[in-house]
């Protein structure tokens, strides 16, 4: 258990999932859904680099913790690809690296032998 470390992305590249507990906010979740829909229609769409007003929408210490599964990343776009635990989620959502770093509280890395 630890904070999310981007240096351990090799595990994800090798096909091993990473489970991250992160602060969750319903409104912020809606923005992740909205971007997933936008990206499906326009593959060139990109999440903006976060500014102070965007960071204000990120969940903080008073928000509940929620588990997500990190299934990929895109260094060029600085995005983490993640799946949610609820039904009907077959397409990974995306968030910027900075958001995951700011909202993650614990991480479980599965390492192969």
C-alpha atoms as a PDB file:
ATOM      1  CA  UNK A   1       0.000   0.000   0.000  1.00  0.00           C
ATOM      2  CA  UNK A   2       1.258   3.437  -0.873  1.00  0.00           C
ATOM      3  CA  UNK A   3       0.509   6.505  -2.905  1.00  0.00           C
ATOM      4  CA  UNK A   4       0.351   5.978  -6.674  1.00  0.00           C
ATOM      5  CA  UNK A   5       3.846   5.931  -8.157  1.00  0.00           C
ATOM      6  CA  UNK A   6       4.134   6.529 -11.883  1.00  0.00           C
ATOM      7  CA  UNK A   7       7.540   4.842 -11.787  1.00  0.00           C
ATOM      8  CA  UNK A   8       5.725   1.509 -11.330  1.00  0.00           C
ATOM      9  CA  UNK A   9       3.860   1.724 -14.637  1.00  0.00           C
ATOM     10  CA  UNK A  10       5.792  -1.324 -15.861  1.00  0.00           C
ATOM     11  CA  UNK A  11       3.340  -3.466 -13.925  1.00  0.00           C
ATOM     12  CA  UNK A  12       0.452  -2.036 -15.910  1.00  0.00           C
ATOM     13  CA  UNK A  13       2.396  -2.469 -19.176  1.00  0.00           C
ATOM     14  CA  UNK A  14       2.869  -6.136 -18.309  1.00  0.00           C
ATOM     15  CA  UNK A  15      -0.901  -6.562 -17.928  1.00  0.00           C
ATOM     16  CA  UNK A  16      -1.167  -6.441 -14.155  1.00  0.00           C
ATOM     17  CA  UNK A  17      -3.901  -4.166 -12.788  1.00  0.00           C
ATOM     18  CA  UNK A  18      -3.288  -1.557 -10.139  1.00  0.00           C
ATOM     19  CA  UNK A  19      -6.076  -0.884  -7.649  1.00  0.00           C
ATOM     20  CA  UNK A  20      -6.143   2.668  -6.379  1.00  0.00           C
ATOM     21  CA  UNK A  21      -8.275   4.098  -3.609  1.00  0.00           C
ATOM     22  CA  UNK A  22      -8.991   7.713  -4.382  1.00  0.00           C
ATOM     23  CA  UNK A  23     -11.229  10.502  -3.184  1.00  0.00           C
ATOM     24  CA  UNK A  24     -14.529  10.440  -5.072  1.00  0.00           C
ATOM     25  CA  UNK A  25     -16.999  13.171  -5.969  1.00  0.00           C
ATOM     26  CA  UNK A  26     -20.163  12.612  -8.010  1.00  0.00           C
ATOM     27  CA  UNK A  27     -19.769  15.875  -9.963  1.00  0.00           C
ATOM     28  CA  UNK A  28     -16.158  15.112 -10.815  1.00  0.00           C
ATOM     29  CA  UNK A  29     -17.239  11.633 -11.897  1.00  0.00           C
ATOM     30  CA  UNK A  30     -19.718  13.261 -14.274  1.00  0.00           C
ATOM     31  CA  UNK A  31     -16.853  15.201 -15.865  1.00  0.00           C
ATOM     32  CA  UNK A  32     -14.979  11.901 -16.426  1.00  0.00           C
ATOM     33  CA  UNK A  33     -18.096  10.444 -18.087  1.00  0.00           C
ATOM     34  CA  UNK A  34     -18.532  13.560 -20.222  1.00  0.00           C
ATOM     35  CA  UNK A  35     -14.926  13.391 -21.415  1.00  0.00           C
ATOM     36  CA  UNK A  36     -15.242   9.656 -22.232  1.00  0.00           C
ATOM     37  CA  UNK A  37     -18.268  10.482 -24.413  1.00  0.00           C
ATOM     38  CA  UNK A  38     -16.409  13.369 -26.071  1.00  0.00           C
ATOM     39  CA  UNK A  39     -13.361  11.181 -26.756  1.00  0.00           C
ATOM     40  CA  UNK A  40     -15.571   8.491 -28.336  1.00  0.00           C
ATOM     41  CA  UNK A  41     -16.880  11.092 -30.790  1.00  0.00           C
ATOM     42  CA  UNK A  42     -13.560  12.886 -31.301  1.00  0.00           C
ATOM     43  CA  UNK A  43     -10.367  10.834 -30.773  1.00  0.00           C
ATOM     44  CA  UNK A  44      -8.297  14.035 -30.869  1.00  0.00           C
ATOM     45  CA  UNK A  45     -10.048  15.428 -27.760  1.00  0.00           C
ATOM     46  CA  UNK A  46      -7.712  16.008 -24.838  1.00  0.00           C
ATOM     47  CA  UNK A  47      -8.131  16.745 -21.184  1.00  0.00           C
ATOM     48  CA  UNK A  48      -6.842  20.236 -20.511  1.00  0.00           C
ATOM     49  CA  UNK A  49      -3.796  20.780 -18.367  1.00  0.00           C
ATOM     50  CA  UNK A  50      -5.254  21.484 -14.919  1.00  0.00           C
ATOM     51  CA  UNK A  51      -5.397  25.053 -13.725  1.00  0.00           C
ATOM     52  CA  UNK A  52      -6.459  26.346 -10.318  1.00  0.00           C
ATOM     53  CA  UNK A  53     -10.188  26.397 -11.165  1.00  0.00           C
ATOM     54  CA  UNK A  54     -10.050  22.782 -12.368  1.00  0.00           C
ATOM     55  CA  UNK A  55      -8.124  21.687  -9.279  1.00  0.00           C
ATOM     56  CA  UNK A  56     -10.864  23.203  -7.103  1.00  0.00           C
ATOM     57  CA  UNK A  57     -13.283  20.579  -8.501  1.00  0.00           C
ATOM     58  CA  UNK A  58     -11.091  17.657  -7.404  1.00  0.00           C
ATOM     59  CA  UNK A  59     -12.362  15.795  -4.345  1.00  0.00           C
ATOM     60  CA  UNK A  60     -10.509  16.452  -1.107  1.00  0.00           C
ATOM     61  CA  UNK A  61     -10.132  15.004   2.362  1.00  0.00           C
ATOM     62  CA  UNK A  62     -13.831  15.349   3.202  1.00  0.00           C
ATOM     63  CA  UNK A  63     -14.915  13.199   0.234  1.00  0.00           C
ATOM     64  CA  UNK A  64     -15.407   9.430   0.490  1.00  0.00           C
ATOM     65  CA  UNK A  65     -12.775   7.012  -0.761  1.00  0.00           C
ATOM     66  CA  UNK A  66     -13.567   4.847  -3.783  1.00  0.00           C
ATOM     67  CA  UNK A  67     -11.584   2.058  -5.480  1.00  0.00           C
ATOM     68  CA  UNK A  68     -10.788   2.215  -9.198  1.00  0.00           C
ATOM     69  CA  UNK A  69      -8.656  -0.114 -11.294  1.00  0.00           C
ATOM     70  CA  UNK A  70      -5.870   1.452 -13.321  1.00  0.00           C
ATOM     71  CA  UNK A  71      -5.647  -0.455 -16.613  1.00  0.00           C
ATOM     72  CA  UNK A  72      -3.419   1.800 -18.679  1.00  0.00           C
ATOM     73  CA  UNK A  73      -1.856   5.181 -19.195  1.00  0.00           C
ATOM     74  CA  UNK A  74      -0.864   7.516 -21.981  1.00  0.00           C
ATOM     75  CA  UNK A  75       2.346   9.425 -21.311  1.00  0.00           C
ATOM     76  CA  UNK A  76       1.906  11.654 -24.359  1.00  0.00           C
ATOM     77  CA  UNK A  77      -1.501  12.812 -23.129  1.00  0.00           C
ATOM     78  CA  UNK A  78      -0.556  12.544 -19.411  1.00  0.00           C
ATOM     79  CA  UNK A  79      -3.639  10.408 -18.796  1.00  0.00           C
ATOM     80  CA  UNK A  80      -4.407   7.421 -16.607  1.00  0.00           C
ATOM     81  CA  UNK A  81      -6.967   4.944 -17.958  1.00  0.00           C
ATOM     82  CA  UNK A  82      -9.179   3.500 -15.228  1.00  0.00           C
ATOM     83  CA  UNK A  83     -12.190   1.270 -14.808  1.00  0.00           C
ATOM     84  CA  UNK A  84     -14.919   1.603 -12.226  1.00  0.00           C
ATOM     85  CA  UNK A  85     -16.377  -1.189 -10.157  1.00  0.00           C
ATOM     86  CA  UNK A  86     -20.025  -0.633 -11.010  1.00  0.00           C
ATOM     87  CA  UNK A  87     -21.807  -2.523 -13.789  1.00  0.00           C
ATOM     88  CA  UNK A  88     -21.813  -1.433 -17.394  1.00  0.00           C
ATOM     89  CA  UNK A  89     -18.350   0.090 -17.463  1.00  0.00           C
ATOM     90  CA  UNK A  90     -16.553  -1.553 -20.376  1.00  0.00           C
ATOM     91  CA  UNK A  91     -14.643   1.471 -21.692  1.00  0.00           C
ATOM     92  CA  UNK A  92     -11.868   2.930 -19.541  1.00  0.00           C
ATOM     93  CA  UNK A  93     -12.293   6.470 -18.326  1.00  0.00           C
ATOM     94  CA  UNK A  94      -9.409   8.909 -18.227  1.00  0.00           C
ATOM     95  CA  UNK A  95      -8.002  11.485 -15.877  1.00  0.00           C
ATOM     96  CA  UNK A  96      -4.834  13.521 -15.886  1.00  0.00           C
ATOM     97  CA  UNK A  97      -1.848  12.239 -13.920  1.00  0.00           C
ATOM     98  CA  UNK A  98      -2.039  15.280 -11.664  1.00  0.00           C
ATOM     99  CA  UNK A  99      -5.601  14.489 -10.590  1.00  0.00           C
ATOM    100  CA  UNK A 100      -4.779  10.909  -9.650  1.00  0.00           C
ATOM    101  CA  UNK A 101      -1.706  12.010  -7.723  1.00  0.00           C
ATOM    102  CA  UNK A 102      -3.784  14.580  -5.830  1.00  0.00           C
ATOM    103  CA  UNK A 103      -6.744  12.318  -5.012  1.00  0.00           C
ATOM    104  CA  UNK A 104      -5.179   8.858  -4.445  1.00  0.00           C
ATOM    105  CA  UNK A 105      -4.968   7.699  -0.860  1.00  0.00           C
ATOM    106  CA  UNK A 106      -3.808   4.060  -1.162  1.00  0.00           C
ATOM    107  CA  UNK A 107      -2.623   1.788  -3.949  1.00  0.00           C
ATOM    108  CA  UNK A 108      -2.305  -1.969  -4.293  1.00  0.00           C
ATOM    109  CA  UNK A 109       0.208  -3.231  -6.827  1.00  0.00           C
ATOM    110  CA  UNK A 110      -0.061  -6.852  -7.982  1.00  0.00           C
ATOM    111  CA  UNK A 111       3.334  -8.166  -8.914  1.00  0.00           C
ATOM    112  CA  UNK A 112       3.831 -11.315 -10.983  1.00  0.00           C
ATOM    113  CA  UNK A 113       6.428 -13.918 -10.166  1.00  0.00           C
END
